[in-house]
Amino acid sequence: VQGEVQCLCPSGGLQLGPNGRTCID
């Protein structure tokens, strides 16, 4: 996004964890 890399979560019921890489429920 605008030259910046962002990790994705495959569902709206998941959010990026504190590390910005893994998804938590």
mmCIF file of all heavy atoms, coordinates in Angstrom:
data_MODEL
# 
_entry.id   MODEL 
# 
loop_
_atom_site.group_PDB 
_atom_site.id 
_atom_site.type_symbol 
_atom_site.label_atom_id 
_atom_site.label_alt_id 
_atom_site.label_comp_id 
_atom_site.label_asym_id 
_atom_site.label_entity_id 
_atom_site.label_seq_id 
_atom_site.pdbx_PDB_ins_code 
_atom_site.Cartn_x 
_atom_site.Cartn_y 
_atom_site.Cartn_z 
_atom_site.occupancy 
_atom_site.B_iso_or_equiv 
_atom_site.pdbx_formal_charge 
_atom_site.auth_seq_id 
_atom_site.auth_comp_id 
_atom_site.auth_asym_id 
_atom_site.auth_atom_id 
_atom_site.pdbx_PDB_model_num 
ATOM 1   N N   . VAL A 1 1  ? 0.867   -1.177  0.000  1.00 0.00 ? 1  VAL A N   1 
ATOM 2   C CA  . VAL A 1 1  ? 0.000   0.000   0.000  1.00 0.00 ? 1  VAL A CA  1 
ATOM 3   C C   . VAL A 1 1  ? 0.903   1.226   0.000  1.00 0.00 ? 1  VAL A C   1 
ATOM 4   O O   . VAL A 1 1  ? 1.651   1.437   0.952  1.00 0.00 ? 1  VAL A O   1 
ATOM 5   C CB  . VAL A 1 1  ? -0.956  0.008   1.221  1.00 0.00 ? 1  VAL A CB  1 
ATOM 6   C CG1 . VAL A 1 1  ? -1.875  1.215   1.178  1.00 0.00 ? 1  VAL A CG1 1 
ATOM 7   C CG2 . VAL A 1 1  ? -1.775  -1.281  1.273  1.00 0.00 ? 1  VAL A CG2 1 
ATOM 8   N N   . GLN A 1 2  ? 0.827   2.005   -1.067 1.00 0.00 ? 2  GLN A N   1 
ATOM 9   C CA  . GLN A 1 2  ? 1.651   3.214   -1.240 1.00 0.00 ? 2  GLN A CA  1 
ATOM 10  C C   . GLN A 1 2  ? 3.124   2.932   -0.922 1.00 0.00 ? 2  GLN A C   1 
ATOM 11  O O   . GLN A 1 2  ? 3.757   3.633   -0.121 1.00 0.00 ? 2  GLN A O   1 
ATOM 12  C CB  . GLN A 1 2  ? 1.106   4.352   -0.367 1.00 0.00 ? 2  GLN A CB  1 
ATOM 13  C CG  . GLN A 1 2  ? -0.268  4.815   -0.828 1.00 0.00 ? 2  GLN A CG  1 
ATOM 14  C CD  . GLN A 1 2  ? -0.983  5.663   0.224  1.00 0.00 ? 2  GLN A CD  1 
ATOM 15  O OE1 . GLN A 1 2  ? -0.519  5.827   1.338  1.00 0.00 ? 2  GLN A OE1 1 
ATOM 16  N NE2 . GLN A 1 2  ? -2.119  6.190   -0.158 1.00 0.00 ? 2  GLN A NE2 1 
ATOM 17  N N   . GLY A 1 3  ? 3.633   1.856   -1.537 1.00 0.00 ? 3  GLY A N   1 
ATOM 18  C CA  . GLY A 1 3  ? 5.039   1.498   -1.386 1.00 0.00 ? 3  GLY A CA  1 
ATOM 19  C C   . GLY A 1 3  ? 5.402   0.859   -0.062 1.00 0.00 ? 3  GLY A C   1 
ATOM 20  O O   . GLY A 1 3  ? 6.542   0.474   0.160  1.00 0.00 ? 3  GLY A O   1 
ATOM 21  N N   . GLU A 1 4  ? 4.416   0.737   0.851  1.00 0.00 ? 4  GLU A N   1 
ATOM 22  C CA  . GLU A 1 4  ? 4.682   0.132   2.149  1.00 0.00 ? 4  GLU A CA  1 
ATOM 23  C C   . GLU A 1 4  ? 4.084   -1.267  2.199  1.00 0.00 ? 4  GLU A C   1 
ATOM 24  O O   . GLU A 1 4  ? 2.972   -1.494  1.752  1.00 0.00 ? 4  GLU A O   1 
ATOM 25  C CB  . GLU A 1 4  ? 4.035   0.993   3.241  1.00 0.00 ? 4  GLU A CB  1 
ATOM 26  C CG  . GLU A 1 4  ? 4.993   1.309   4.377  1.00 0.00 ? 4  GLU A CG  1 
ATOM 27  C CD  . GLU A 1 4  ? 4.349   2.218   5.406  1.00 0.00 ? 4  GLU A CD  1 
ATOM 28  O OE1 . GLU A 1 4  ? 3.690   1.688   6.305  1.00 0.00 ? 4  GLU A OE1 1 
ATOM 29  O OE2 . GLU A 1 4  ? 4.489   3.454   5.278  1.00 0.00 ? 4  GLU A OE2 1 
ATOM 30  N N   . VAL A 1 5  ? 4.818   -2.209  2.759  1.00 0.00 ? 5  VAL A N   1 
ATOM 31  C CA  . VAL A 1 5  ? 4.348   -3.591  2.837  1.00 0.00 ? 5  VAL A CA  1 
ATOM 32  C C   . VAL A 1 5  ? 3.546   -3.785  4.126  1.00 0.00 ? 5  VAL A C   1 
ATOM 33  O O   . VAL A 1 5  ? 3.994   -3.436  5.212  1.00 0.00 ? 5  VAL A O   1 
ATOM 34  C CB  . VAL A 1 5  ? 5.540   -4.580  2.786  1.00 0.00 ? 5  VAL A CB  1 
ATOM 35  C CG1 . VAL A 1 5  ? 5.065   -6.012  2.933  1.00 0.00 ? 5  VAL A CG1 1 
ATOM 36  C CG2 . VAL A 1 5  ? 6.294   -4.418  1.481  1.00 0.00 ? 5  VAL A CG2 1 
ATOM 37  N N   . GLN A 1 6  ? 2.325   -4.331  3.954  1.00 0.00 ? 6  GLN A N   1 
ATOM 38  C CA  . GLN A 1 6  ? 1.473   -4.600  5.114  1.00 0.00 ? 6  GLN A CA  1 
ATOM 39  C C   . GLN A 1 6  ? 1.057   -6.060  5.089  1.00 0.00 ? 6  GLN A C   1 
ATOM 40  O O   . GLN A 1 6  ? 0.681   -6.591  4.043  1.00 0.00 ? 6  GLN A O   1 
ATOM 41  C CB  . GLN A 1 6  ? 0.208   -3.737  5.057  1.00 0.00 ? 6  GLN A CB  1 
ATOM 42  C CG  . GLN A 1 6  ? 0.454   -2.299  5.409  1.00 0.00 ? 6  GLN A CG  1 
ATOM 43  C CD  . GLN A 1 6  ? -0.826  -1.462  5.311  1.00 0.00 ? 6  GLN A CD  1 
ATOM 44  O OE1 . GLN A 1 6  ? -1.805  -1.886  4.709  1.00 0.00 ? 6  GLN A OE1 1 
ATOM 45  N NE2 . GLN A 1 6  ? -0.796  -0.291  5.882  1.00 0.00 ? 6  GLN A NE2 1 
ATOM 46  N N   . CYS A 1 7  ? 1.124   -6.725  6.247  1.00 0.00 ? 7  CYS A N   1 
ATOM 47  C CA  . CYS A 1 7  ? 0.676   -8.116  6.336  1.00 0.00 ? 7  CYS A CA  1 
ATOM 48  C C   . CYS A 1 7  ? -0.848  -8.148  6.288  1.00 0.00 ? 7  CYS A C   1 
ATOM 49  O O   . CYS A 1 7  ? -1.521  -7.203  6.710  1.00 0.00 ? 7  CYS A O   1 
ATOM 50  C CB  . CYS A 1 7  ? 1.168   -8.748  7.629  1.00 0.00 ? 7  CYS A CB  1 
ATOM 51  S SG  . CYS A 1 7  ? 2.963   -8.979  7.660  1.00 0.00 ? 7  CYS A SG  1 
ATOM 52  N N   . LEU A 1 8  ? -1.378  -9.252  5.758  1.00 0.00 ? 8  LEU A N   1 
ATOM 53  C CA  . LEU A 1 8  ? -2.825  -9.405  5.608  1.00 0.00 ? 8  LEU A CA  1 
ATOM 54  C C   . LEU A 1 8  ? -3.380  -10.456 6.557  1.00 0.00 ? 8  LEU A C   1 
ATOM 55  O O   . LEU A 1 8  ? -2.691  -11.398 6.909  1.00 0.00 ? 8  LEU A O   1 
ATOM 56  C CB  . LEU A 1 8  ? -3.160  -9.872  4.180  1.00 0.00 ? 8  LEU A CB  1 
ATOM 57  C CG  . LEU A 1 8  ? -3.022  -8.888  3.033  1.00 0.00 ? 8  LEU A CG  1 
ATOM 58  C CD1 . LEU A 1 8  ? -3.199  -9.621  1.728  1.00 0.00 ? 8  LEU A CD1 1 
ATOM 59  C CD2 . LEU A 1 8  ? -4.062  -7.786  3.151  1.00 0.00 ? 8  LEU A CD2 1 
ATOM 60  N N   . CYS A 1 9  ? -4.641  -10.297 6.920  1.00 0.00 ? 9  CYS A N   1 
ATOM 61  C CA  . CYS A 1 9  ? -5.380  -11.345 7.629  1.00 0.00 ? 9  CYS A CA  1 
ATOM 62  C C   . CYS A 1 9  ? -6.540  -11.744 6.723  1.00 0.00 ? 9  CYS A C   1 
ATOM 63  O O   . CYS A 1 9  ? -7.219  -10.879 6.167  1.00 0.00 ? 9  CYS A O   1 
ATOM 64  C CB  . CYS A 1 9  ? -5.903  -10.835 8.968  1.00 0.00 ? 9  CYS A CB  1 
ATOM 65  S SG  . CYS A 1 9  ? -4.585  -10.643 10.180 1.00 0.00 ? 9  CYS A SG  1 
ATOM 66  N N   . PRO A 1 10 ? -6.776  -13.060 6.551  1.00 0.00 ? 10 PRO A N   1 
ATOM 67  C CA  . PRO A 1 10 ? -7.767  -13.505 5.573  1.00 0.00 ? 10 PRO A CA  1 
ATOM 68  C C   . PRO A 1 10 ? -9.225  -13.321 5.965  1.00 0.00 ? 10 PRO A C   1 
ATOM 69  O O   . PRO A 1 10 ? -10.113 -13.615 5.192  1.00 0.00 ? 10 PRO A O   1 
ATOM 70  C CB  . PRO A 1 10 ? -7.447  -14.997 5.419  1.00 0.00 ? 10 PRO A CB  1 
ATOM 71  C CG  . PRO A 1 10 ? -6.804  -15.372 6.688  1.00 0.00 ? 10 PRO A CG  1 
ATOM 72  C CD  . PRO A 1 10 ? -6.074  -14.171 7.178  1.00 0.00 ? 10 PRO A CD  1 
ATOM 73  N N   . SER A 1 11 ? -9.504  -12.818 7.157  1.00 0.00 ? 11 SER A N   1 
ATOM 74  C CA  . SER A 1 11 ? -10.892 -12.662 7.581  1.00 0.00 ? 11 SER A CA  1 
ATOM 75  C C   . SER A 1 11 ? -11.038 -11.423 8.448  1.00 0.00 ? 11 SER A C   1 
ATOM 76  O O   . SER A 1 11 ? -10.111 -11.043 9.165  1.00 0.00 ? 11 SER A O   1 
ATOM 77  C CB  . SER A 1 11 ? -11.310 -13.914 8.367  1.00 0.00 ? 11 SER A CB  1 
ATOM 78  O OG  . SER A 1 11 ? -12.364 -13.634 9.235  1.00 0.00 ? 11 SER A OG  1 
ATOM 79  N N   . GLY A 1 12 ? -12.216 -10.818 8.389  1.00 0.00 ? 12 GLY A N   1 
ATOM 80  C CA  . GLY A 1 12 ? -12.504 -9.638  9.211  1.00 0.00 ? 12 GLY A CA  1 
ATOM 81  C C   . GLY A 1 12 ? -12.536 -9.963  10.687 1.00 0.00 ? 12 GLY A C   1 
ATOM 82  O O   . GLY A 1 12 ? -12.464 -9.076  11.540 1.00 0.00 ? 12 GLY A O   1 
ATOM 83  N N   . GLY A 1 13 ? -12.647 -11.249 11.012 1.00 0.00 ? 13 GLY A N   1 
ATOM 84  C CA  . GLY A 1 13 ? -12.682 -11.685 12.407 1.00 0.00 ? 13 GLY A CA  1 
ATOM 85  C C   . GLY A 1 13 ? -11.289 -11.959 12.964 1.00 0.00 ? 13 GLY A C   1 
ATOM 86  O O   . GLY A 1 13 ? -11.140 -12.490 14.062 1.00 0.00 ? 13 GLY A O   1 
ATOM 87  N N   . LEU A 1 14 ? -10.265 -11.601 12.165 1.00 0.00 ? 14 LEU A N   1 
ATOM 88  C CA  . LEU A 1 14 ? -8.873  -11.741 12.611 1.00 0.00 ? 14 LEU A CA  1 
ATOM 89  C C   . LEU A 1 14 ? -8.212  -10.380 12.567 1.00 0.00 ? 14 LEU A C   1 
ATOM 90  O O   . LEU A 1 14 ? -8.569  -9.546  11.740 1.00 0.00 ? 14 LEU A O   1 
ATOM 91  C CB  . LEU A 1 14 ? -8.103  -12.699 11.684 1.00 0.00 ? 14 LEU A CB  1 
ATOM 92  C CG  . LEU A 1 14 ? -8.563  -14.153 11.597 1.00 0.00 ? 14 LEU A CG  1 
ATOM 93  C CD1 . LEU A 1 14 ? -7.797  -14.879 10.512 1.00 0.00 ? 14 LEU A CD1 1 
ATOM 94  C CD2 . LEU A 1 14 ? -8.390  -14.865 12.928 1.00 0.00 ? 14 LEU A CD2 1 
ATOM 95  N N   . GLN A 1 15 ? -7.250  -10.157 13.436 1.00 0.00 ? 15 GLN A N   1 
ATOM 96  C CA  . GLN A 1 15 ? -6.513  -8.899  13.408 1.00 0.00 ? 15 GLN A CA  1 
ATOM 97  C C   . GLN A 1 15 ? -5.022  -9.183  13.540 1.00 0.00 ? 15 GLN A C   1 
ATOM 98  O O   . GLN A 1 15 ? -4.630  -10.214 14.088 1.00 0.00 ? 15 GLN A O   1 
ATOM 99  C CB  . GLN A 1 15 ? -6.990  -7.968  14.526 1.00 0.00 ? 15 GLN A CB  1 
ATOM 100 C CG  . GLN A 1 15 ? -6.728  -8.504  15.922 1.00 0.00 ? 15 GLN A CG  1 
ATOM 101 C CD  . GLN A 1 15 ? -7.319  -7.627  17.003 1.00 0.00 ? 15 GLN A CD  1 
ATOM 102 O OE1 . GLN A 1 15 ? -8.091  -6.728  16.722 1.00 0.00 ? 15 GLN A OE1 1 
ATOM 103 N NE2 . GLN A 1 15 ? -6.971  -7.890  18.242 1.00 0.00 ? 15 GLN A NE2 1 
ATOM 104 N N   . LEU A 1 16 ? -4.231  -8.272  13.032 1.00 0.00 ? 16 LEU A N   1 
ATOM 105 C CA  . LEU A 1 16 ? -2.783  -8.436  13.133 1.00 0.00 ? 16 LEU A CA  1 
ATOM 106 C C   . LEU A 1 16 ? -2.360  -8.376  14.593 1.00 0.00 ? 16 LEU A C   1 
ATOM 107 O O   . LEU A 1 16 ? -2.826  -7.526  15.346 1.00 0.00 ? 16 LEU A O   1 
ATOM 108 C CB  . LEU A 1 16 ? -2.057  -7.350  12.343 1.00 0.00 ? 16 LEU A CB  1 
ATOM 109 C CG  . LEU A 1 16 ? -1.940  -7.569  10.827 1.00 0.00 ? 16 LEU A CG  1 
ATOM 110 C CD1 . LEU A 1 16 ? -1.282  -6.377  10.177 1.00 0.00 ? 16 LEU A CD1 1 
ATOM 111 C CD2 . LEU A 1 16 ? -1.156  -8.835  10.508 1.00 0.00 ? 16 LEU A CD2 1 
ATOM 112 N N   . GLY A 1 17 ? -1.513  -9.306  14.963 1.00 0.00 ? 17 GLY A N   1 
ATOM 113 C CA  . GLY A 1 17 ? -1.008  -9.356  16.328 1.00 0.00 ? 17 GLY A CA  1 
ATOM 114 C C   . GLY A 1 17 ? -0.012  -8.237  16.570 1.00 0.00 ? 17 GLY A C   1 
ATOM 115 O O   . GLY A 1 17 ? 0.335   -7.482  15.654 1.00 0.00 ? 17 GLY A O   1 
ATOM 116 N N   . PRO A 1 18 ? 0.495   -8.120  17.796 1.00 0.00 ? 18 PRO A N   1 
ATOM 117 C CA  . PRO A 1 18 ? 1.443   -7.046  18.130 1.00 0.00 ? 18 PRO A CA  1 
ATOM 118 C C   . PRO A 1 18 ? 2.689   -7.030  17.245 1.00 0.00 ? 18 PRO A C   1 
ATOM 119 O O   . PRO A 1 18 ? 3.271   -5.973  17.013 1.00 0.00 ? 18 PRO A O   1 
ATOM 120 C CB  . PRO A 1 18 ? 1.823   -7.348  19.590 1.00 0.00 ? 18 PRO A CB  1 
ATOM 121 C CG  . PRO A 1 18 ? 0.742   -8.238  20.109 1.00 0.00 ? 18 PRO A CG  1 
ATOM 122 C CD  . PRO A 1 18 ? 0.213   -8.999  18.939 1.00 0.00 ? 18 PRO A CD  1 
ATOM 123 N N   . ASN A 1 19 ? 3.087   -8.213  16.726 1.00 0.00 ? 19 ASN A N   1 
ATOM 124 C CA  . ASN A 1 19 ? 4.297   -8.261  15.889 1.00 0.00 ? 19 ASN A CA  1 
ATOM 125 C C   . ASN A 1 19 ? 4.044   -7.782  14.457 1.00 0.00 ? 19 ASN A C   1 
ATOM 126 O O   . ASN A 1 19 ? 4.965   -7.635  13.667 1.00 0.00 ? 19 ASN A O   1 
ATOM 127 C CB  . ASN A 1 19 ? 4.903   -9.674  15.880 1.00 0.00 ? 19 ASN A CB  1 
ATOM 128 C CG  . ASN A 1 19 ? 3.964   -10.716 15.289 1.00 0.00 ? 19 ASN A CG  1 
ATOM 129 O OD1 . ASN A 1 19 ? 2.921   -10.405 14.730 1.00 0.00 ? 19 ASN A OD1 1 
ATOM 130 N ND2 . ASN A 1 19 ? 4.341   -11.973 15.410 1.00 0.00 ? 19 ASN A ND2 1 
ATOM 131 N N   . GLY A 1 20 ? 2.745   -7.560  14.101 1.00 0.00 ? 20 GLY A N   1 
ATOM 132 C CA  . GLY A 1 20 ? 2.406   -7.070  12.764 1.00 0.00 ? 20 GLY A CA  1 
ATOM 133 C C   . GLY A 1 20 ? 2.560   -8.107  11.669 1.00 0.00 ? 20 GLY A C   1 
ATOM 134 O O   . GLY A 1 20 ? 2.446   -7.789  10.491 1.00 0.00 ? 20 GLY A O   1 
ATOM 135 N N   . ARG A 1 21 ? 2.797   -9.374  12.048 1.00 0.00 ? 21 ARG A N   1 
ATOM 136 C CA  . ARG A 1 21 ? 3.008   -10.432 11.052 1.00 0.00 ? 21 ARG A CA  1 
ATOM 137 C C   . ARG A 1 21 ? 2.004   -11.579 11.175 1.00 0.00 ? 21 ARG A C   1 
ATOM 138 O O   . ARG A 1 21 ? 1.597   -12.153 10.187 1.00 0.00 ? 21 ARG A O   1 
ATOM 139 C CB  . ARG A 1 21 ? 4.426   -11.002 11.167 1.00 0.00 ? 21 ARG A CB  1 
ATOM 140 C CG  . ARG A 1 21 ? 5.530   -10.009 10.835 1.00 0.00 ? 21 ARG A CG  1 
ATOM 141 C CD  . ARG A 1 21 ? 6.863   -10.690 10.656 1.00 0.00 ? 21 ARG A CD  1 
ATOM 142 N NE  . ARG A 1 21 ? 7.247   -11.540 11.776 1.00 0.00 ? 21 ARG A NE  1 
ATOM 143 C CZ  . ARG A 1 21 ? 7.949   -11.128 12.837 1.00 0.00 ? 21 ARG A CZ  1 
ATOM 144 N NH1 . ARG A 1 21 ? 8.332   -9.862  12.922 1.00 0.00 ? 21 ARG A NH1 1 
ATOM 145 N NH2 . ARG A 1 21 ? 8.266   -11.954 13.800 1.00 0.00 ? 21 ARG A NH2 1 
ATOM 146 N N   . THR A 1 22 ? 1.651   -11.929 12.405 1.00 0.00 ? 22 THR A N   1 
ATOM 147 C CA  . THR A 1 22 ? 0.718   -13.040 12.610 1.00 0.00 ? 22 THR A CA  1 
ATOM 148 C C   . THR A 1 22 ? -0.675  -12.503 12.909 1.00 0.00 ? 22 THR A C   1 
ATOM 149 O O   . THR A 1 22 ? -0.827  -11.371 13.386 1.00 0.00 ? 22 THR A O   1 
ATOM 150 C CB  . THR A 1 22 ? 1.175   -13.954 13.777 1.00 0.00 ? 22 THR A CB  1 
ATOM 151 O OG1 . THR A 1 22 ? 1.352   -13.131 14.934 1.00 0.00 ? 22 THR A OG1 1 
ATOM 152 C CG2 . THR A 1 22 ? 2.463   -14.678 13.448 1.00 0.00 ? 22 THR A CG2 1 
ATOM 153 N N   . CYS A 1 23 ? -1.686  -13.338 12.619 1.00 0.00 ? 23 CYS A N   1 
ATOM 154 C CA  . CYS A 1 23 ? -3.075  -12.927 12.838 1.00 0.00 ? 23 CYS A CA  1 
ATOM 155 C C   . CYS A 1 23 ? -3.633  -13.601 14.077 1.00 0.00 ? 23 CYS A C   1 
ATOM 156 O O   . CYS A 1 23 ? -3.434  -14.794 14.291 1.00 0.00 ? 23 CYS A O   1 
ATOM 157 C CB  . CYS A 1 23 ? -3.920  -13.312 11.628 1.00 0.00 ? 23 CYS A CB  1 
ATOM 158 S SG  . CYS A 1 23 ? -3.438  -12.419 10.137 1.00 0.00 ? 23 CYS A SG  1 
ATOM 159 N N   . ILE A 1 24 ? -4.312  -12.803 14.889 1.00 0.00 ? 24 ILE A N   1 
ATOM 160 C CA  . ILE A 1 24 ? -4.944  -13.349 16.094 1.00 0.00 ? 24 ILE A CA  1 
ATOM 161 C C   . ILE A 1 24 ? -6.457  -13.164 15.998 1.00 0.00 ? 24 ILE A C   1 
ATOM 162 O O   . ILE A 1 24 ? -6.942  -12.264 15.326 1.00 0.00 ? 24 ILE A O   1 
ATOM 163 C CB  . ILE A 1 24 ? -4.375  -12.716 17.396 1.00 0.00 ? 24 ILE A CB  1 
ATOM 164 C CG1 . ILE A 1 24 ? -4.469  -11.178 17.342 1.00 0.00 ? 24 ILE A CG1 1 
ATOM 165 C CG2 . ILE A 1 24 ? -2.957  -13.172 17.651 1.00 0.00 ? 24 ILE A CG2 1 
ATOM 166 C CD1 . ILE A 1 24 ? -4.112  -10.481 18.649 1.00 0.00 ? 24 ILE A CD1 1 
ATOM 167 N N   . ASP A 1 25 ? -7.181  -14.045 16.661 1.00 0.00 ? 25 ASP A N   1 
ATOM 168 C CA  . ASP A 1 25 ? -8.637  -14.048 16.604 1.00 0.00 ? 25 ASP A CA  1 
ATOM 169 C C   . ASP A 1 25 ? -9.238  -12.882 17.378 1.00 0.00 ? 25 ASP A C   1 
ATOM 170 O O   . ASP A 1 25 ? -8.748  -12.517 18.437 1.00 0.00 ? 25 ASP A O   1 
ATOM 171 C CB  . ASP A 1 25 ? -9.157  -15.376 17.183 1.00 0.00 ? 25 ASP A CB  1 
ATOM 172 C CG  . ASP A 1 25 ? -10.670 -15.449 17.191 1.00 0.00 ? 25 ASP A CG  1 
ATOM 173 O OD1 . ASP A 1 25 ? -11.270 -15.248 16.123 1.00 0.00 ? 25 ASP A OD1 1 
ATOM 174 O OD2 . ASP A 1 25 ? -11.252 -15.695 18.263 1.00 0.00 ? 25 ASP A OD2 1 
# 
